[in-house]
């Protein structure tokens, strides 16, 4: 496994899940990344917020829902934090990210 401090091989892997689908998908992504020599630092979106304002590594966000497209319970706090009206428009402009959505 690569060293955690090597920024070229590390990425942040965040998931928000209602019934566990996104969590399982993120585990699969983490395992496959490690097989390729990458370090996926995986966290639930409920434990993430404005910390992304300082993130320099690429970010992968995996989210699933079973409703009408509403955020899963574990992502509500995160969604609210990125929708704050007081945030400057360029607050997250430094992020390199991808979003994977799964519906059940």
Foldseek 3Di string as FASTA:
>chain_A
DDDPPPLVQEEEEEEFEAPCPQVVVSVVVQVVSVVVVHHYHYDYLLPDALVLLPDQHAYEYEFEDADPPDGHPSNPRRVVRVPDPPQPPCSNVNYHYDYHYDYD
